[in-house]
Every structure is written in C-alpha cells, then in structure tokens.
C-alpha cells in the first residue's frame, strides 16, 4: 500500500496499487454529488488521462465510480444494477461510501448483500481510504456459475 500527498490539498489517498486504472480507460461516474471527493476524481482522471463520463453515457465502460450514501438515491442495489449495465465484460466498480463516522455511512453487511444480489464479488484486501470516503472494489465472478453457487441456485 502506498501513500501520496496531493499538491495544495493536504489530503492523503491510500490506494490499492494504481486502483487498477490505466491510461485510456473509460470511467463512468454514478451518484455524483457536491459532497464527493474532488481530489480523488482528479486523480482518477489523471491516471486514465481522460474525463469521467456521466450517467448518460451508454457505451460499455472499463470501470465505474459509484458514490453511494445511506440516505441518498441511487440506493446501493439500484446503483450496482446501473454499474452492471454500464460495464464491459472485464470491468469493475469502485464503490465509494462515507466513512463509518458519517451518519450517511453504508454498513459492510449492506455492501456484501447488495453485491451478492447484483452479481458482484467484494474483493478481499485493502480498499482505498479518502478523507471522508471509503472505497471497496467490486468485480464480477470469473464464471456466472460461481454467483449461482453462492446464492444456492445450482442443484447439488
């Protein structure tokens, strides 16, 4: 895990190696609001060397930044469905939720449940910690059968 300090901002961004983002990737942002971490948004745009696309962008994207709060739409499950519809086959989601101190936090069990019900897998290991946000990386299972087994849908 590395730590970097942004010039003129003073906020630390601890990141999972390179966030999995590369130059040329298309990143869709869902759930933007005035409370999002602008430093993190600029960092993502710097890593990909392209602007974030908004919810109106329809071609498949390489990754989604999903800002989700407990008291604001889109709901977590709705946001994950939007992300799933937007992603390319190998795409992933950075789910950004307020820190545990926030009254708008999303509890980890809610994340696990929503991810499972929408066909995502919560990656183990360190996520990212921003000033007032926590990032959790969600991926699709390598095989659709894995999601079915986890839900108990396949016959034994």
N, C-alpha and C. Protein backbone atom coordinates (compact mmCIF):
# COMPACT_ATOMS: atom_id res chain seq x y z
N UNK A 1 0.85 -1.16 0.00
CA UNK A 1 0.00 0.00 0.00
C UNK A 1 0.90 1.23 0.00
N UNK A 2 0.59 2.21 -0.84
CA UNK A 2 1.39 3.41 -0.90
C UNK A 2 0.56 4.60 -0.46
N UNK A 3 1.26 5.64 -0.05
CA UNK A 3 0.58 6.85 0.34
C UNK A 3 1.16 7.99 -0.48
N UNK A 4 0.31 8.85 -1.01
CA UNK A 4 0.78 10.00 -1.75
C UNK A 4 0.06 11.23 -1.24
N UNK A 5 0.71 12.38 -1.33
CA UNK A 5 0.11 13.62 -0.87
C UNK A 5 -0.11 14.51 -2.09
N UNK A 6 -1.32 14.99 -2.26
CA UNK A 6 -1.65 15.84 -3.40
C UNK A 6 -1.18 17.26 -3.12
N UNK A 7 -0.61 17.88 -4.13
CA UNK A 7 -0.15 19.26 -4.00
C UNK A 7 -1.31 20.18 -3.69
N UNK A 8 -1.08 21.10 -2.76
CA UNK A 8 -2.05 22.13 -2.38
C UNK A 8 -3.30 21.60 -1.70
N UNK A 9 -3.46 20.32 -1.53
CA UNK A 9 -4.69 19.79 -0.93
C UNK A 9 -4.45 19.28 0.48
N UNK A 10 -3.35 18.58 0.70
CA UNK A 10 -3.04 18.06 2.02
C UNK A 10 -3.78 16.79 2.38
N UNK A 11 -4.72 16.34 1.59
CA UNK A 11 -5.43 15.09 1.88
C UNK A 11 -4.59 13.91 1.42
N UNK A 12 -4.62 12.83 2.20
CA UNK A 12 -3.89 11.63 1.80
C UNK A 12 -4.84 10.69 1.08
N UNK A 13 -4.30 10.02 0.08
CA UNK A 13 -5.05 8.99 -0.62
C UNK A 13 -4.23 7.72 -0.51
N UNK A 14 -4.71 6.77 0.28
CA UNK A 14 -4.06 5.47 0.34
C UNK A 14 -4.73 4.61 -0.69
N UNK A 15 -3.95 3.99 -1.54
CA UNK A 15 -4.56 3.31 -2.66
C UNK A 15 -4.10 1.87 -2.82
N UNK A 16 -5.02 1.08 -3.31
CA UNK A 16 -4.74 -0.26 -3.78
C UNK A 16 -3.89 -0.03 -5.03
N UNK A 17 -2.83 -0.80 -5.27
CA UNK A 17 -1.91 -0.47 -6.35
C UNK A 17 -2.58 0.05 -7.62
N UNK A 18 -2.34 1.32 -7.85
CA UNK A 18 -2.83 2.05 -9.04
C UNK A 18 -4.34 1.99 -9.24
N UNK A 19 -5.06 1.51 -8.27
CA UNK A 19 -6.53 1.43 -8.34
C UNK A 19 -7.01 0.54 -9.47
N UNK A 20 -6.09 -0.07 -10.20
CA UNK A 20 -6.48 -0.89 -11.35
C UNK A 20 -6.85 -0.05 -12.56
N UNK A 21 -6.49 1.23 -12.54
CA UNK A 21 -6.83 2.14 -13.63
C UNK A 21 -5.60 2.44 -14.47
N UNK A 22 -5.80 2.51 -15.77
CA UNK A 22 -4.70 2.77 -16.70
C UNK A 22 -5.11 3.84 -17.69
N UNK A 23 -4.12 4.41 -18.31
CA UNK A 23 -4.35 5.43 -19.33
C UNK A 23 -5.25 4.88 -20.44
N UNK A 24 -6.20 5.68 -20.85
CA UNK A 24 -7.09 5.29 -21.94
C UNK A 24 -8.37 4.60 -21.50
N UNK A 25 -8.49 4.26 -20.23
CA UNK A 25 -9.71 3.60 -19.76
C UNK A 25 -10.86 4.62 -19.70
N UNK A 26 -12.06 4.12 -19.93
CA UNK A 26 -13.25 4.95 -19.80
C UNK A 26 -13.90 4.63 -18.46
N UNK A 27 -14.08 5.67 -17.64
CA UNK A 27 -14.61 5.51 -16.29
C UNK A 27 -15.93 6.27 -16.20
N UNK A 28 -16.98 5.56 -15.80
CA UNK A 28 -18.30 6.17 -15.62
C UNK A 28 -18.49 6.50 -14.15
N UNK A 29 -19.10 7.64 -13.90
CA UNK A 29 -19.36 8.06 -12.54
C UNK A 29 -20.87 8.06 -12.29
N UNK A 30 -21.27 7.37 -11.23
CA UNK A 30 -22.69 7.29 -10.86
C UNK A 30 -22.82 7.79 -9.42
N UNK A 31 -23.82 8.61 -9.18
CA UNK A 31 -24.09 9.09 -7.83
C UNK A 31 -23.30 10.32 -7.43
N UNK A 32 -22.78 11.05 -8.41
CA UNK A 32 -22.03 12.26 -8.10
C UNK A 32 -22.90 13.22 -7.29
N UNK A 33 -22.28 13.95 -6.38
CA UNK A 33 -22.95 14.97 -5.59
C UNK A 33 -21.93 15.99 -5.14
N UNK A 34 -22.38 17.06 -4.54
CA UNK A 34 -21.47 18.11 -4.08
C UNK A 34 -20.53 17.65 -2.98
N UNK A 35 -20.83 16.52 -2.36
CA UNK A 35 -20.02 16.02 -1.26
C UNK A 35 -18.91 15.05 -1.68
N UNK A 36 -18.80 14.73 -2.96
CA UNK A 36 -17.79 13.76 -3.40
C UNK A 36 -16.38 14.31 -3.20
N UNK A 37 -15.41 13.44 -3.25
CA UNK A 37 -14.01 13.81 -3.07
C UNK A 37 -13.44 14.24 -4.42
N UNK A 38 -13.34 15.56 -4.61
CA UNK A 38 -12.86 16.10 -5.89
C UNK A 38 -11.40 15.75 -6.16
N UNK A 39 -10.59 15.67 -5.11
CA UNK A 39 -9.20 15.28 -5.28
C UNK A 39 -9.10 13.88 -5.87
N UNK A 40 -9.90 12.96 -5.35
CA UNK A 40 -9.91 11.60 -5.87
C UNK A 40 -10.37 11.58 -7.33
N UNK A 41 -11.42 12.33 -7.65
CA UNK A 41 -11.91 12.39 -9.03
C UNK A 41 -10.80 12.87 -9.97
N UNK A 42 -10.08 13.92 -9.56
CA UNK A 42 -8.99 14.44 -10.40
C UNK A 42 -7.88 13.39 -10.54
N UNK A 43 -7.62 12.64 -9.46
CA UNK A 43 -6.59 11.60 -9.52
C UNK A 43 -6.97 10.52 -10.53
N UNK A 44 -8.24 10.10 -10.51
CA UNK A 44 -8.72 9.10 -11.46
C UNK A 44 -8.57 9.62 -12.88
N UNK A 45 -8.96 10.86 -13.10
CA UNK A 45 -8.85 11.44 -14.44
C UNK A 45 -7.38 11.54 -14.87
N UNK A 46 -6.50 11.81 -13.92
CA UNK A 46 -5.07 11.86 -14.23
C UNK A 46 -4.51 10.49 -14.58
N UNK A 47 -4.93 9.45 -13.86
CA UNK A 47 -4.46 8.10 -14.14
C UNK A 47 -4.94 7.59 -15.49
N UNK A 48 -6.15 7.96 -15.87
CA UNK A 48 -6.72 7.47 -17.13
C UNK A 48 -6.48 8.43 -18.29
N UNK A 49 -6.05 9.63 -17.96
CA UNK A 49 -5.81 10.69 -18.95
C UNK A 49 -7.07 10.96 -19.78
N UNK A 50 -8.23 10.88 -19.12
CA UNK A 50 -9.48 11.19 -19.80
C UNK A 50 -10.52 11.61 -18.76
N UNK A 51 -11.49 12.39 -19.18
CA UNK A 51 -12.53 12.83 -18.24
C UNK A 51 -13.44 11.67 -17.85
N UNK A 52 -14.06 11.80 -16.68
CA UNK A 52 -15.07 10.82 -16.28
C UNK A 52 -16.31 11.05 -17.13
N UNK A 53 -17.00 9.96 -17.46
CA UNK A 53 -18.25 10.10 -18.22
C UNK A 53 -19.41 10.01 -17.23
N UNK A 54 -20.51 10.66 -17.58
CA UNK A 54 -21.64 10.69 -16.64
C UNK A 54 -22.64 9.59 -16.94
N UNK A 55 -23.73 9.62 -16.19
CA UNK A 55 -24.73 8.56 -16.26
C UNK A 55 -25.43 8.48 -17.62
N UNK A 56 -25.34 9.52 -18.43
CA UNK A 56 -25.96 9.50 -19.75
C UNK A 56 -25.14 8.78 -20.81
N UNK A 57 -23.90 8.44 -20.51
CA UNK A 57 -23.01 7.76 -21.46
C UNK A 57 -23.44 6.31 -21.58
N UNK A 58 -23.67 5.83 -22.81
CA UNK A 58 -24.23 4.48 -22.96
C UNK A 58 -23.27 3.37 -23.40
N UNK A 59 -22.16 3.63 -24.12
CA UNK A 59 -21.28 2.50 -24.47
C UNK A 59 -20.69 1.85 -23.22
N UNK A 60 -20.27 0.58 -23.32
CA UNK A 60 -19.65 -0.10 -22.17
C UNK A 60 -18.40 0.64 -21.69
N UNK A 61 -18.18 0.62 -20.38
CA UNK A 61 -17.03 1.30 -19.79
C UNK A 61 -16.13 0.29 -19.09
N UNK A 62 -14.91 0.73 -18.82
CA UNK A 62 -13.92 -0.14 -18.18
C UNK A 62 -14.10 -0.23 -16.67
N UNK A 63 -14.61 0.83 -16.07
CA UNK A 63 -14.83 0.84 -14.62
C UNK A 63 -15.89 1.88 -14.28
N UNK A 64 -16.45 1.72 -13.09
CA UNK A 64 -17.47 2.66 -12.59
C UNK A 64 -17.04 3.15 -11.22
N UNK A 65 -17.15 4.46 -11.00
CA UNK A 65 -17.06 5.03 -9.66
C UNK A 65 -18.49 5.21 -9.21
N UNK A 66 -18.88 4.49 -8.17
CA UNK A 66 -20.25 4.57 -7.65
C UNK A 66 -20.22 5.20 -6.27
N UNK A 67 -20.68 6.44 -6.18
CA UNK A 67 -20.77 7.15 -4.90
C UNK A 67 -22.12 6.79 -4.31
N UNK A 68 -22.12 6.22 -3.12
CA UNK A 68 -23.37 5.77 -2.52
C UNK A 68 -23.43 6.18 -1.05
N UNK A 69 -24.54 6.77 -0.68
CA UNK A 69 -24.77 7.18 0.70
C UNK A 69 -26.02 6.48 1.20
N UNK A 70 -26.11 6.26 2.49
CA UNK A 70 -27.25 5.55 3.06
C UNK A 70 -28.56 6.33 2.91
N UNK A 71 -28.48 7.64 2.81
CA UNK A 71 -29.71 8.45 2.80
C UNK A 71 -29.96 9.15 1.48
N UNK A 72 -29.33 8.71 0.42
CA UNK A 72 -29.48 9.41 -0.86
C UNK A 72 -29.62 8.41 -2.00
N UNK A 73 -30.42 8.75 -2.98
CA UNK A 73 -30.54 7.91 -4.16
C UNK A 73 -29.34 8.15 -5.06
N UNK A 74 -28.86 7.21 -5.87
CA UNK A 74 -29.49 5.91 -6.01
C UNK A 74 -29.20 5.02 -4.80
N UNK A 75 -30.13 4.12 -4.53
CA UNK A 75 -29.88 3.15 -3.47
C UNK A 75 -28.70 2.29 -3.90
N UNK A 76 -28.11 1.61 -2.95
CA UNK A 76 -26.95 0.79 -3.26
C UNK A 76 -27.25 -0.25 -4.33
N UNK A 77 -28.32 -1.00 -4.15
CA UNK A 77 -28.64 -2.05 -5.12
C UNK A 77 -28.96 -1.45 -6.49
N UNK A 78 -29.71 -0.36 -6.51
CA UNK A 78 -30.03 0.30 -7.78
C UNK A 78 -28.75 0.80 -8.46
N UNK A 79 -27.86 1.40 -7.68
CA UNK A 79 -26.59 1.88 -8.22
C UNK A 79 -25.74 0.75 -8.78
N UNK A 80 -25.74 -0.39 -8.09
CA UNK A 80 -24.97 -1.54 -8.59
C UNK A 80 -25.58 -2.10 -9.87
N UNK A 81 -26.89 -2.07 -9.97
CA UNK A 81 -27.52 -2.52 -11.23
C UNK A 81 -27.15 -1.58 -12.38
N UNK A 82 -27.13 -0.28 -12.10
CA UNK A 82 -26.70 0.68 -13.12
C UNK A 82 -25.26 0.41 -13.53
N UNK A 83 -24.41 0.16 -12.55
CA UNK A 83 -22.99 -0.11 -12.83
C UNK A 83 -22.84 -1.37 -13.66
N UNK A 84 -23.58 -2.40 -13.29
CA UNK A 84 -23.51 -3.67 -14.01
C UNK A 84 -23.89 -3.49 -15.48
N UNK A 85 -24.93 -2.72 -15.73
CA UNK A 85 -25.39 -2.47 -17.10
C UNK A 85 -24.37 -1.66 -17.89
N UNK A 86 -23.57 -0.85 -17.21
CA UNK A 86 -22.62 0.03 -17.89
C UNK A 86 -21.28 -0.63 -18.18
N UNK A 87 -20.93 -1.68 -17.44
CA UNK A 87 -19.59 -2.25 -17.52
C UNK A 87 -19.34 -3.13 -18.74
N UNK A 88 -18.10 -3.07 -19.20
CA UNK A 88 -17.64 -4.05 -20.18
C UNK A 88 -17.50 -5.38 -19.44
N UNK A 89 -17.26 -6.44 -20.17
CA UNK A 89 -17.18 -7.79 -19.56
C UNK A 89 -16.12 -7.89 -18.47
N UNK A 90 -15.00 -7.20 -18.66
CA UNK A 90 -13.91 -7.27 -17.68
C UNK A 90 -13.91 -6.08 -16.71
N UNK A 91 -14.95 -5.28 -16.75
CA UNK A 91 -15.00 -4.07 -15.93
C UNK A 91 -15.19 -4.34 -14.44
N UNK A 92 -14.95 -3.31 -13.64
CA UNK A 92 -15.09 -3.41 -12.19
C UNK A 92 -15.64 -2.10 -11.64
N UNK A 93 -16.02 -2.14 -10.37
CA UNK A 93 -16.63 -0.98 -9.72
C UNK A 93 -15.79 -0.58 -8.51
N UNK A 94 -15.58 0.73 -8.35
CA UNK A 94 -15.11 1.27 -7.08
C UNK A 94 -16.33 1.85 -6.42
N UNK A 95 -16.81 1.17 -5.37
CA UNK A 95 -17.95 1.63 -4.59
C UNK A 95 -17.42 2.54 -3.50
N UNK A 96 -17.83 3.81 -3.54
CA UNK A 96 -17.36 4.80 -2.58
C UNK A 96 -18.48 5.16 -1.63
N UNK A 97 -18.26 4.91 -0.34
CA UNK A 97 -19.27 5.16 0.68
C UNK A 97 -18.66 6.03 1.78
N UNK A 98 -19.49 6.80 2.48
CA UNK A 98 -18.97 7.64 3.56
C UNK A 98 -18.29 6.80 4.65
N UNK A 99 -17.35 7.41 5.34
CA UNK A 99 -16.62 6.72 6.42
C UNK A 99 -17.57 6.31 7.54
N UNK A 100 -17.15 5.37 8.39
CA UNK A 100 -18.02 4.89 9.46
C UNK A 100 -18.51 5.98 10.43
N UNK A 101 -17.79 7.08 10.55
CA UNK A 101 -18.21 8.16 11.44
C UNK A 101 -19.40 8.94 10.89
N UNK A 102 -19.66 8.81 9.62
CA UNK A 102 -20.72 9.58 8.98
C UNK A 102 -22.10 8.98 9.25
N UNK A 103 -23.10 9.83 9.47
CA UNK A 103 -24.46 9.30 9.62
C UNK A 103 -25.00 8.73 8.30
N UNK A 104 -24.33 9.01 7.20
CA UNK A 104 -24.77 8.51 5.89
C UNK A 104 -23.96 7.29 5.43
N UNK A 105 -23.24 6.69 6.37
CA UNK A 105 -22.41 5.52 6.03
C UNK A 105 -23.28 4.37 5.54
N UNK A 106 -22.65 3.49 4.79
CA UNK A 106 -23.30 2.26 4.34
C UNK A 106 -22.57 1.14 5.05
N UNK A 107 -23.30 0.31 5.77
CA UNK A 107 -22.69 -0.75 6.56
C UNK A 107 -22.11 -1.84 5.66
N UNK A 108 -20.98 -2.44 6.06
CA UNK A 108 -20.37 -3.50 5.25
C UNK A 108 -21.32 -4.64 4.91
N UNK A 109 -22.19 -5.03 5.83
CA UNK A 109 -23.13 -6.12 5.53
C UNK A 109 -24.09 -5.72 4.41
N UNK A 110 -24.45 -4.44 4.35
CA UNK A 110 -25.30 -3.96 3.25
C UNK A 110 -24.55 -4.06 1.92
N UNK A 111 -23.27 -3.75 1.94
CA UNK A 111 -22.46 -3.84 0.72
C UNK A 111 -22.36 -5.30 0.28
N UNK A 112 -22.04 -6.19 1.22
CA UNK A 112 -21.92 -7.62 0.88
C UNK A 112 -23.22 -8.16 0.30
N UNK A 113 -24.34 -7.84 0.94
CA UNK A 113 -25.64 -8.35 0.49
C UNK A 113 -26.01 -7.80 -0.88
N UNK A 114 -25.85 -6.50 -1.06
CA UNK A 114 -26.19 -5.89 -2.35
C UNK A 114 -25.29 -6.41 -3.46
N UNK A 115 -24.01 -6.57 -3.16
CA UNK A 115 -23.07 -7.09 -4.17
C UNK A 115 -23.49 -8.49 -4.59
N UNK A 116 -23.76 -9.35 -3.64
CA UNK A 116 -24.16 -10.72 -3.94
C UNK A 116 -25.44 -10.76 -4.77
N UNK A 117 -26.41 -9.95 -4.40
CA UNK A 117 -27.70 -9.95 -5.11
C UNK A 117 -27.65 -9.34 -6.50
N UNK A 118 -26.61 -8.58 -6.78
CA UNK A 118 -26.49 -7.98 -8.11
C UNK A 118 -25.38 -8.62 -8.94
N UNK A 119 -24.82 -9.72 -8.44
CA UNK A 119 -23.84 -10.46 -9.23
C UNK A 119 -22.41 -9.96 -9.13
N UNK A 120 -22.08 -9.24 -8.08
CA UNK A 120 -20.72 -8.76 -7.88
C UNK A 120 -20.05 -9.52 -6.75
N UNK A 121 -18.74 -9.45 -6.73
CA UNK A 121 -17.92 -10.05 -5.69
C UNK A 121 -17.15 -8.92 -5.01
N UNK A 122 -17.18 -8.85 -3.69
CA UNK A 122 -16.41 -7.87 -2.94
C UNK A 122 -14.98 -8.38 -2.84
N UNK A 123 -14.03 -7.63 -3.39
CA UNK A 123 -12.64 -8.07 -3.35
C UNK A 123 -12.09 -8.01 -1.94
N UNK A 124 -11.35 -9.03 -1.57
CA UNK A 124 -10.69 -9.06 -0.27
C UNK A 124 -9.48 -8.13 -0.32
N UNK A 125 -9.02 -7.75 0.82
CA UNK A 125 -7.83 -6.92 0.88
C UNK A 125 -8.17 -5.46 1.04
N UNK A 126 -7.13 -4.65 1.05
CA UNK A 126 -7.34 -3.23 1.32
C UNK A 126 -8.09 -2.54 0.19
N UNK A 127 -9.00 -1.71 0.57
CA UNK A 127 -9.67 -0.85 -0.40
C UNK A 127 -8.90 0.46 -0.45
N UNK A 128 -9.64 1.54 -0.55
CA UNK A 128 -8.99 2.85 -0.51
C UNK A 128 -9.65 3.69 0.57
N UNK A 129 -8.87 4.54 1.19
CA UNK A 129 -9.38 5.44 2.21
C UNK A 129 -9.12 6.86 1.76
N UNK A 130 -10.18 7.62 1.67
CA UNK A 130 -10.08 9.03 1.31
C UNK A 130 -10.41 9.83 2.56
N UNK A 131 -10.46 11.13 2.44
CA UNK A 131 -10.71 11.98 3.61
C UNK A 131 -12.03 11.63 4.30
N UNK A 132 -13.12 11.55 3.55
CA UNK A 132 -14.44 11.25 4.12
C UNK A 132 -15.14 10.09 3.42
N UNK A 133 -14.40 9.32 2.65
CA UNK A 133 -14.97 8.22 1.88
C UNK A 133 -14.09 6.98 2.00
N UNK A 134 -14.72 5.82 1.84
CA UNK A 134 -14.01 4.54 1.79
C UNK A 134 -14.38 3.88 0.47
N UNK A 135 -13.39 3.33 -0.22
CA UNK A 135 -13.63 2.67 -1.49
C UNK A 135 -13.50 1.16 -1.38
N UNK A 136 -14.47 0.45 -1.93
CA UNK A 136 -14.47 -1.01 -1.97
C UNK A 136 -14.53 -1.42 -3.42
N UNK A 137 -13.62 -2.29 -3.83
CA UNK A 137 -13.60 -2.73 -5.22
C UNK A 137 -14.50 -3.95 -5.39
N UNK A 138 -15.38 -3.87 -6.37
CA UNK A 138 -16.30 -4.96 -6.69
C UNK A 138 -16.00 -5.46 -8.09
N UNK A 139 -15.97 -6.76 -8.24
CA UNK A 139 -15.74 -7.37 -9.55
C UNK A 139 -16.84 -8.38 -9.82
N UNK A 140 -16.89 -8.81 -11.05
CA UNK A 140 -17.82 -9.88 -11.40
C UNK A 140 -17.12 -11.21 -11.14
N UNK A 141 -17.87 -12.22 -10.74
CA UNK A 141 -17.25 -13.54 -10.57
C UNK A 141 -16.67 -14.00 -11.90
N UNK A 142 -15.60 -14.79 -11.87
CA UNK A 142 -15.00 -15.25 -13.11
C UNK A 142 -15.95 -16.09 -13.96
N UNK A 143 -16.93 -16.71 -13.34
CA UNK A 143 -17.88 -17.54 -14.08
C UNK A 143 -19.27 -17.27 -13.52
N UNK A 144 -20.29 -17.20 -14.38
CA UNK A 144 -21.65 -17.00 -13.87
C UNK A 144 -22.08 -18.09 -12.90
N UNK A 145 -21.53 -19.30 -13.04
CA UNK A 145 -21.90 -20.40 -12.15
C UNK A 145 -21.48 -20.13 -10.71
N UNK A 146 -20.38 -19.39 -10.52
CA UNK A 146 -19.92 -19.09 -9.17
C UNK A 146 -20.96 -18.27 -8.43
N UNK A 147 -21.53 -17.28 -9.10
CA UNK A 147 -22.57 -16.45 -8.47
C UNK A 147 -23.78 -17.31 -8.12
N UNK A 148 -24.12 -18.24 -8.98
CA UNK A 148 -25.27 -19.09 -8.70
C UNK A 148 -25.02 -20.01 -7.51
N UNK A 149 -23.80 -20.55 -7.40
CA UNK A 149 -23.47 -21.41 -6.27
C UNK A 149 -23.53 -20.61 -4.98
N UNK A 150 -23.01 -19.38 -4.98
CA UNK A 150 -23.02 -18.57 -3.77
C UNK A 150 -24.44 -18.25 -3.35
N UNK A 151 -25.35 -18.14 -4.28
CA UNK A 151 -26.75 -17.85 -3.94
C UNK A 151 -27.53 -19.13 -3.65
N UNK A 152 -26.90 -20.29 -3.84
CA UNK A 152 -27.57 -21.55 -3.62
C UNK A 152 -28.53 -21.92 -4.72
N UNK A 153 -28.35 -21.38 -5.93
CA UNK A 153 -29.29 -21.59 -7.01
C UNK A 153 -29.01 -22.84 -7.85
N UNK A 154 -27.80 -23.39 -7.76
CA UNK A 154 -27.48 -24.58 -8.55
C UNK A 154 -27.89 -25.83 -7.78
N UNK A 155 -28.42 -26.83 -8.46
CA UNK A 155 -28.76 -28.09 -7.78
C UNK A 155 -27.46 -28.75 -7.29
N UNK A 156 -27.59 -29.47 -6.21
CA UNK A 156 -26.40 -30.15 -5.65
C UNK A 156 -26.36 -31.57 -6.08
